[in-house]
């Protein structure tokens, strides 16, 4: 097995690419929760609003508690 790394990725510490992917997914979940909550007001569904709140909470809970990444 080759142990050399591409020159472009030489300065990237291990685990940072995964952190970026988690950040993007959680950001999309957080922003999507706003749409979900606003749509809940249009159709008058309290369960959909609660789902939006849970999605917004999960966007913070997953990286901080489940993955142990406070950044």
Protein backbone atom coordinates (compact mmCIF):
# COMPACT_ATOMS: atom_id res chain seq x y z
CA UNK A 1 0.00 0.00 0.00
CA UNK A 2 1.18 3.45 -0.83
CA UNK A 3 1.51 5.76 2.16
CA UNK A 4 2.04 9.03 0.34
CA UNK A 5 -0.62 11.69 0.25
CA UNK A 6 -1.49 14.17 -2.50
CA UNK A 7 0.25 17.51 -2.13
CA UNK A 8 -3.09 19.34 -2.00
CA UNK A 9 -4.28 17.34 1.00
CA UNK A 10 -0.99 17.42 2.84
CA UNK A 11 -1.95 20.30 5.14
CA UNK A 12 -5.46 19.02 5.99
CA UNK A 13 -5.47 17.36 9.41
CA UNK A 14 -7.25 14.00 9.63
CA UNK A 15 -10.94 14.22 10.51
CA UNK A 16 -11.51 17.76 9.26
CA UNK A 17 -13.20 16.66 6.02
CA UNK A 18 -15.70 14.65 8.06
CA UNK A 19 -16.33 17.65 10.27
CA UNK A 20 -17.07 19.77 7.22
CA UNK A 21 -19.56 17.20 5.93
CA UNK A 22 -21.30 17.03 9.31
CA UNK A 23 -21.43 20.84 9.41
CA UNK A 24 -23.03 21.05 5.97
CA UNK A 25 -25.62 18.37 6.76
CA UNK A 26 -26.54 19.94 10.09
CA UNK A 27 -26.73 23.40 8.53
CA UNK A 28 -29.11 22.06 5.87
CA UNK A 29 -31.21 20.38 8.56
CA UNK A 30 -31.32 23.59 10.59
CA UNK A 31 -32.32 25.74 7.62
CA UNK A 32 -34.82 23.11 6.48
CA UNK A 33 -36.46 23.22 9.88
CA UNK A 34 -37.38 26.88 9.28
CA UNK A 35 -39.20 25.91 6.09
CA UNK A 36 -40.93 23.06 7.88
CA UNK A 37 -42.12 25.31 10.70
CA UNK A 38 -43.35 28.01 8.33
CA UNK A 39 -45.21 25.43 6.24
CA UNK A 40 -46.81 24.15 9.44
CA UNK A 41 -48.36 27.59 9.98
CA UNK A 42 -49.75 27.60 6.44
CA UNK A 43 -51.55 24.29 6.82
CA UNK A 44 -52.24 24.63 10.54
CA UNK A 45 -50.45 21.50 11.69
CA UNK A 46 -48.97 21.58 15.20
CA UNK A 47 -47.33 18.18 14.69
CA UNK A 48 -45.42 19.46 11.67
CA UNK A 49 -44.28 22.46 13.71
CA UNK A 50 -43.06 20.17 16.47
CA UNK A 51 -41.23 18.15 13.82
CA UNK A 52 -39.50 21.33 12.70
CA UNK A 53 -38.50 22.11 16.27
CA UNK A 54 -37.12 18.60 16.72
CA UNK A 55 -35.18 18.87 13.46
CA UNK A 56 -33.66 22.19 14.57
CA UNK A 57 -32.74 20.67 17.93
CA UNK A 58 -31.24 17.60 16.27
CA UNK A 59 -29.06 19.84 14.10
CA UNK A 60 -27.31 20.96 17.30
CA UNK A 61 -27.61 17.73 19.29
CA UNK A 62 -26.10 15.34 16.76
CA UNK A 63 -22.66 16.95 16.33
CA UNK A 64 -22.26 18.03 19.95
CA UNK A 65 -23.51 15.00 21.84
CA UNK A 66 -23.58 12.00 19.55
CA UNK A 67 -20.41 12.74 17.58
CA UNK A 68 -18.56 14.61 20.32
CA UNK A 69 -17.61 17.53 18.06
CA UNK A 70 -18.31 20.85 19.79
CA UNK A 71 -16.96 22.91 16.89
